[in-house]
Amino acid sequence: MVLDQDRGSLPYALVHGEPLVACAAWALGEAGVTLVDAGTPWSSLVAAGDPLVLHDPLCPLTPPEFLAECVAAAAHGAVVVGVRPVTDTVKVVVGGYVGATVNREALLQVVSPVVLPAAVVAEFDELPTSDLPALVAALAPHVQVVTREAPPSARRVDGNDDLRLLEALTAGSPARRRPGT
């Protein structure tokens, strides 16, 4: 399922001349994942008995191979989460004042995908949130969560500057090609 709700218009921006949502959908298809429309009744997802792959179109160039690896890892019953290392400096704010620097080696950024095993899908009446970091935080105390480091092309974009950086990072790579090209 490509999660385009609550993300403004950015999922429809272009990367390498293609909409982010289309790139995300193509990657799922290339990974052998059956696309599910966001409007599909949750009961149908539960009845299918399959893992549910949640893909954020703001991580549009997540490679199909990485998506497939995450789906395979979820077969063991754990929620599988694609992550990237945090490279920004993170500070603690106490009482309105900037304080100590947080050790970023202990931090991870949630990217795509989040793969929910069928047993986890069956626990819900609907997707609790389309915010992947919030979903992972809510699930972590209740189910096993396994992280897998995503490749740099899976980085999350938050605006046009990030899109240009992602294009530069992936220029000429297979991650930017549509199926059949």
C-alpha atoms as a PDB file:
ATOM      1  CA  MET A   1       0.000   0.000   0.000  1.00  0.00           C
ATOM      2  CA  VAL A   2       1.436   3.371  -1.021  1.00  0.00           C
ATOM      3  CA  LEU A   3       0.543   5.869   1.704  1.00  0.00           C
ATOM      4  CA  ASP A   4      -0.074   9.230   0.065  1.00  0.00           C
ATOM      5  CA  GLN A   5      -2.599  10.618   2.572  1.00  0.00           C
ATOM      6  CA  ASP A   6      -1.529  13.290   5.071  1.00  0.00           C
ATOM      7  CA  ARG A   7       1.555  14.157   3.020  1.00  0.00           C
ATOM      8  CA  GLY A   8       0.314  17.238   1.177  1.00  0.00           C
ATOM      9  CA  SER A   9       1.127  17.572  -2.499  1.00  0.00           C
ATOM     10  CA  LEU A  10       4.740  16.359  -2.251  1.00  0.00           C
ATOM     11  CA  PRO A  11       3.904  12.739  -3.260  1.00  0.00           C
ATOM     12  CA  TYR A  12       2.887  14.162  -6.664  1.00  0.00           C
ATOM     13  CA  ALA A  13       6.132  16.080  -7.191  1.00  0.00           C
ATOM     14  CA  LEU A  14       8.525  14.693  -9.781  1.00  0.00           C
ATOM     15  CA  VAL A  15      11.770  12.816  -9.306  1.00  0.00           C
ATOM     16  CA  HIS A  16      13.612  12.003 -12.532  1.00  0.00           C
ATOM     17  CA  GLY A  17      10.470  13.227 -14.330  1.00  0.00           C
ATOM     18  CA  GLU A  18       8.062  10.827 -12.588  1.00  0.00           C
ATOM     19  CA  PRO A  19       5.628  11.380  -9.683  1.00  0.00           C
ATOM     20  CA  LEU A  20       6.907  10.074  -6.355  1.00  0.00           C
ATOM     21  CA  VAL A  21       3.749   7.957  -5.875  1.00  0.00           C
ATOM     22  CA  ALA A  22       4.304   6.285  -9.244  1.00  0.00           C
ATOM     23  CA  CYS A  23       7.935   5.495  -8.405  1.00  0.00           C
ATOM     24  CA  ALA A  24       6.848   3.968  -5.088  1.00  0.00           C
ATOM     25  CA  ALA A  25       4.134   1.893  -6.768  1.00  0.00           C
ATOM     26  CA  TRP A  26       6.518   0.678  -9.502  1.00  0.00           C
ATOM     27  CA  ALA A  27       9.059  -0.370  -6.866  1.00  0.00           C
ATOM     28  CA  LEU A  28       6.429  -2.425  -5.028  1.00  0.00           C
ATOM     29  CA  GLY A  29       5.398  -4.098  -8.268  1.00  0.00           C
ATOM     30  CA  GLU A  30       9.008  -4.851  -9.191  1.00  0.00           C
ATOM     31  CA  ALA A  31       9.477  -6.338  -5.700  1.00  0.00           C
ATOM     32  CA  GLY A  32       6.638  -8.781  -6.376  1.00  0.00           C
ATOM     33  CA  VAL A  33       4.291  -7.084  -3.923  1.00  0.00           C
ATOM     34  CA  THR A  34       0.616  -6.942  -4.856  1.00  0.00           C
ATOM     35  CA  LEU A  35      -0.497  -3.325  -4.724  1.00  0.00           C
ATOM     36  CA  VAL A  36      -3.439  -2.621  -2.448  1.00  0.00           C
ATOM     37  CA  ASP A  37      -5.561   0.500  -2.830  1.00  0.00           C
ATOM     38  CA  ALA A  38      -5.763   2.637   0.318  1.00  0.00           C
ATOM     39  CA  GLY A  39      -9.555   2.349   0.045  1.00  0.00           C
ATOM     40  CA  THR A  40      -9.523  -1.448   0.353  1.00  0.00           C
ATOM     41  CA  PRO A  41     -11.618  -2.518   3.354  1.00  0.00           C
ATOM     42  CA  TRP A  42      -9.379  -3.545   6.243  1.00  0.00           C
ATOM     43  CA  SER A  43     -11.421  -6.729   6.673  1.00  0.00           C
ATOM     44  CA  SER A  44     -10.300  -7.775   3.172  1.00  0.00           C
ATOM     45  CA  LEU A  45      -6.661  -7.280   4.157  1.00  0.00           C
ATOM     46  CA  VAL A  46      -7.168  -9.385   7.274  1.00  0.00           C
ATOM     47  CA  ALA A  47      -8.998 -12.098   5.299  1.00  0.00           C
ATOM     48  CA  ALA A  48      -6.153 -12.272   2.759  1.00  0.00           C
ATOM     49  CA  GLY A  49      -3.805 -13.440   5.504  1.00  0.00           C
ATOM     50  CA  ASP A  50      -0.796 -11.792   3.870  1.00  0.00           C
ATOM     51  CA  PRO A  51       1.748  -9.333   5.227  1.00  0.00           C
ATOM     52  CA  LEU A  52       0.930  -5.705   4.497  1.00  0.00           C
ATOM     53  CA  VAL A  53       3.714  -3.610   3.009  1.00  0.00           C
ATOM     54  CA  LEU A  54       3.406   0.092   3.815  1.00  0.00           C
ATOM     55  CA  HIS A  55       5.448   2.248   1.451  1.00  0.00           C
ATOM     56  CA  ASP A  56       5.847   5.979   1.920  1.00  0.00           C
ATOM     57  CA  PRO A  57       5.986   7.802  -1.432  1.00  0.00           C
ATOM     58  CA  LEU A  58       8.302  10.287   0.276  1.00  0.00           C
ATOM     59  CA  CYS A  59      10.872   7.464   0.011  1.00  0.00           C
ATOM     60  CA  PRO A  60      10.183   7.078  -3.722  1.00  0.00           C
ATOM     61  CA  LEU A  61      13.394   5.402  -4.874  1.00  0.00           C
ATOM     62  CA  THR A  62      13.523   2.616  -2.310  1.00  0.00           C
ATOM     63  CA  PRO A  63      14.940  -0.237  -4.393  1.00  0.00           C
ATOM     64  CA  PRO A  64      12.633  -3.171  -5.180  1.00  0.00           C
ATOM     65  CA  GLU A  65      15.301  -5.594  -3.955  1.00  0.00           C
ATOM     66  CA  PHE A  66      15.298  -3.949  -0.529  1.00  0.00           C
ATOM     67  CA  LEU A  67      11.489  -4.033  -0.388  1.00  0.00           C
ATOM     68  CA  ALA A  68      11.535  -7.757  -1.244  1.00  0.00           C
ATOM     69  CA  GLU A  69      14.181  -8.422   1.440  1.00  0.00           C
ATOM     70  CA  CYS A  70      12.000  -6.716   4.045  1.00  0.00           C
ATOM     71  CA  VAL A  71       8.933  -8.725   3.013  1.00  0.00           C
ATOM     72  CA  ALA A  72      10.935 -11.958   3.269  1.00  0.00           C
ATOM     73  CA  ALA A  73      12.227 -10.970   6.724  1.00  0.00           C
ATOM     74  CA  ALA A  74       8.653 -10.382   7.939  1.00  0.00           C
ATOM     75  CA  ALA A  75       7.884 -14.068   7.284  1.00  0.00           C
ATOM     76  CA  HIS A  76       9.412 -14.736  10.715  1.00  0.00           C
ATOM     77  CA  GLY A  77       6.554 -12.837  12.371  1.00  0.00           C
ATOM     78  CA  ALA A  78       8.269  -9.558  13.242  1.00  0.00           C
ATOM     79  CA  VAL A  79       7.344  -6.107  11.984  1.00  0.00           C
ATOM     80  CA  VAL A  80      10.167  -5.130   9.627  1.00  0.00           C
ATOM     81  CA  VAL A  81      11.119  -1.464   9.321  1.00  0.00           C
ATOM     82  CA  GLY A  82      13.439   0.185   6.813  1.00  0.00           C
ATOM     83  CA  VAL A  83      15.674   2.740   8.536  1.00  0.00           C
ATOM     84  CA  ARG A  84      18.482   5.147   7.694  1.00  0.00           C
ATOM     85  CA  PRO A  85      21.160   6.484  10.033  1.00  0.00           C
ATOM     86  CA  VAL A  86      20.556   9.968  11.410  1.00  0.00           C
ATOM     87  CA  THR A  87      23.213  12.361  10.110  1.00  0.00           C
ATOM     88  CA  ASP A  88      21.867  15.648  11.484  1.00  0.00           C
ATOM     89  CA  THR A  89      22.993  17.049  14.810  1.00  0.00           C
ATOM     90  CA  VAL A  90      20.235  16.550  17.376  1.00  0.00           C
ATOM     91  CA  LYS A  91      20.050  18.655  20.524  1.00  0.00           C
ATOM     92  CA  VAL A  92      18.060  18.281  23.734  1.00  0.00           C
ATOM     93  CA  VAL A  93      15.828  21.237  24.618  1.00  0.00           C
ATOM     94  CA  VAL A  94      15.120  21.725  28.327  1.00  0.00           C
ATOM     95  CA  GLY A  95      12.966  24.556  29.592  1.00  0.00           C
ATOM     96  CA  GLY A  96      13.208  26.344  26.262  1.00  0.00           C
ATOM     97  CA  TYR A  97      17.029  26.218  26.231  1.00  0.00           C
ATOM     98  CA  VAL A  98      19.186  24.215  23.867  1.00  0.00           C
ATOM     99  CA  GLY A  99      21.174  21.653  25.799  1.00  0.00           C
ATOM    100  CA  ALA A 100      23.335  18.628  25.184  1.00  0.00           C
ATOM    101  CA  THR A 101      23.913  16.970  21.844  1.00  0.00           C
ATOM    102  CA  VAL A 102      22.239  13.576  21.486  1.00  0.00           C
ATOM    103  CA  ASN A 103      24.460  10.704  20.356  1.00  0.00           C
ATOM    104  CA  ARG A 104      23.093  10.238  16.851  1.00  0.00           C
ATOM    105  CA  GLU A 105      24.613   6.763  16.583  1.00  0.00           C
ATOM    106  CA  ALA A 106      21.762   5.636  18.845  1.00  0.00           C
ATOM    107  CA  LEU A 107      19.131   7.184  16.530  1.00  0.00           C
ATOM    108  CA  LEU A 108      17.484   5.864  13.383  1.00  0.00           C
ATOM    109  CA  GLN A 109      15.194   7.511  10.833  1.00  0.00           C
ATOM    110  CA  VAL A 110      12.205   5.407   9.770  1.00  0.00           C
ATOM    111  CA  VAL A 111      11.944   5.246   5.983  1.00  0.00           C
ATOM    112  CA  SER A 112      10.206   2.641   3.802  1.00  0.00           C
ATOM    113  CA  PRO A 113       8.958   0.041   4.045  1.00  0.00           C
ATOM    114  CA  VAL A 114       7.147  -0.969   7.196  1.00  0.00           C
ATOM    115  CA  VAL A 115       6.022  -4.565   6.733  1.00  0.00           C
ATOM    116  CA  LEU A 116       3.249  -5.783   9.020  1.00  0.00           C
ATOM    117  CA  PRO A 117       2.985  -9.577   9.292  1.00  0.00           C
ATOM    118  CA  ALA A 118      -0.514 -11.005   8.773  1.00  0.00           C
ATOM    119  CA  ALA A 119      -0.923 -11.617  12.529  1.00  0.00           C
ATOM    120  CA  VAL A 120      -0.288  -7.915  13.230  1.00  0.00           C
ATOM    121  CA  VAL A 121      -2.684  -6.837  10.458  1.00  0.00           C
ATOM    122  CA  ALA A 122      -5.352  -9.025  12.091  1.00  0.00           C
ATOM    123  CA  GLU A 123      -4.959  -7.154  15.392  1.00  0.00           C
ATOM    124  CA  PHE A 124      -6.380  -3.924  13.930  1.00  0.00           C
ATOM    125  CA  ASP A 125      -9.750  -2.758  12.636  1.00  0.00           C
ATOM    126  CA  GLU A 126      -7.961  -0.207  10.433  1.00  0.00           C
ATOM    127  CA  LEU A 127      -4.483   1.210   9.972  1.00  0.00           C
ATOM    128  CA  PRO A 128      -3.935   3.196  13.190  1.00  0.00           C
ATOM    129  CA  THR A 129      -1.902   5.903  11.435  1.00  0.00           C
ATOM    130  CA  SER A 130      -0.223   6.553   8.098  1.00  0.00           C
ATOM    131  CA  ASP A 131       2.668   8.233   9.951  1.00  0.00           C
ATOM    132  CA  LEU A 132       5.246   5.436   9.792  1.00  0.00           C
ATOM    133  CA  PRO A 133       7.465   6.593  12.698  1.00  0.00           C
ATOM    134  CA  ALA A 134       4.372   6.973  14.919  1.00  0.00           C
ATOM    135  CA  LEU A 135       3.123   3.539  13.835  1.00  0.00           C
ATOM    136  CA  VAL A 136       6.464   1.902  14.652  1.00  0.00           C
ATOM    137  CA  ALA A 137       6.609   3.661  18.032  1.00  0.00           C
ATOM    138  CA  ALA A 138       3.082   2.460  18.851  1.00  0.00           C
ATOM    139  CA  LEU A 139       3.827  -1.128  17.795  1.00  0.00           C
ATOM    140  CA  ALA A 140       7.266  -1.496  19.412  1.00  0.00           C
ATOM    141  CA  PRO A 141       6.063  -2.104  22.993  1.00  0.00           C
ATOM    142  CA  HIS A 142       3.658  -4.838  21.808  1.00  0.00           C
ATOM    143  CA  VAL A 143       5.336  -6.763  18.985  1.00  0.00           C
ATOM    144  CA  GLN A 144       8.830  -7.624  17.837  1.00  0.00           C
ATOM    145  CA  VAL A 145      10.191  -4.909  15.547  1.00  0.00           C
ATOM    146  CA  VAL A 146      13.238  -5.597  13.399  1.00  0.00           C
ATOM    147  CA  THR A 147      15.084  -2.795  11.629  1.00  0.00           C
ATOM    148  CA  ARG A 148      16.944  -3.142   8.362  1.00  0.00           C
ATOM    149  CA  GLU A 149      19.266  -0.438   7.112  1.00  0.00           C
ATOM    150  CA  ALA A 150      17.922   0.919   3.851  1.00  0.00           C
ATOM    151  CA  PRO A 151      20.258   1.992   1.054  1.00  0.00           C
ATOM    152  CA  PRO A 152      20.885   5.730   0.527  1.00  0.00           C
ATOM    153  CA  SER A 153      18.443   5.814  -2.419  1.00  0.00           C
ATOM    154  CA  ALA A 154      15.653   5.012   0.066  1.00  0.00           C
ATOM    155  CA  ARG A 155      16.148   8.332   1.844  1.00  0.00           C
ATOM    156  CA  ARG A 156      13.052  10.310   2.776  1.00  0.00           C
ATOM    157  CA  VAL A 157      12.397  13.610   1.026  1.00  0.00           C
ATOM    158  CA  ASP A 158      10.766  16.537   2.773  1.00  0.00           C
ATOM    159  CA  GLY A 159      10.824  19.112  -0.011  1.00  0.00           C
ATOM    160  CA  ASN A 160      12.219  20.184  -3.361  1.00  0.00           C
ATOM    161  CA  ASP A 161      15.797  20.509  -2.097  1.00  0.00           C
ATOM    162  CA  ASP A 162      15.666  16.880  -0.901  1.00  0.00           C
ATOM    163  CA  LEU A 163      14.267  15.826  -4.294  1.00  0.00           C
ATOM    164  CA  ARG A 164      17.181  17.461  -6.129  1.00  0.00           C
ATOM    165  CA  LEU A 165      19.617  15.747  -3.755  1.00  0.00           C
ATOM    166  CA  LEU A 166      17.927  12.370  -4.330  1.00  0.00           C
ATOM    167  CA  GLU A 167      18.078  12.898  -8.099  1.00  0.00           C
ATOM    168  CA  ALA A 168      21.790  13.683  -7.897  1.00  0.00           C
ATOM    169  CA  LEU A 169      22.380  10.660  -5.671  1.00  0.00           C
ATOM    170  CA  THR A 170      20.562   8.299  -8.049  1.00  0.00           C
ATOM    171  CA  ALA A 171      21.499   9.766 -11.443  1.00  0.00           C
ATOM    172  CA  GLY A 172      22.182   6.858 -13.791  1.00  0.00           C
ATOM    173  CA  SER A 173      21.300   4.190 -11.223  1.00  0.00           C
ATOM    174  CA  PRO A 174      18.774   1.375 -11.698  1.00  0.00           C
ATOM    175  CA  ALA A 175      16.727   2.866  -8.831  1.00  0.00           C
ATOM    176  CA  ARG A 176      15.525   5.639 -11.130  1.00  0.00           C
ATOM    177  CA  ARG A 177      14.311   3.503 -14.017  1.00  0.00           C
ATOM    178  CA  ARG A 178      10.679   2.607 -14.568  1.00  0.00           C
ATOM    179  CA  PRO A 179       9.841  -1.040 -15.204  1.00  0.00           C
ATOM    180  CA  GLY A 180      10.443  -1.913 -18.821  1.00  0.00           C
ATOM    181  CA  THR A 181      12.984   0.872 -19.444  1.00  0.00           C
END
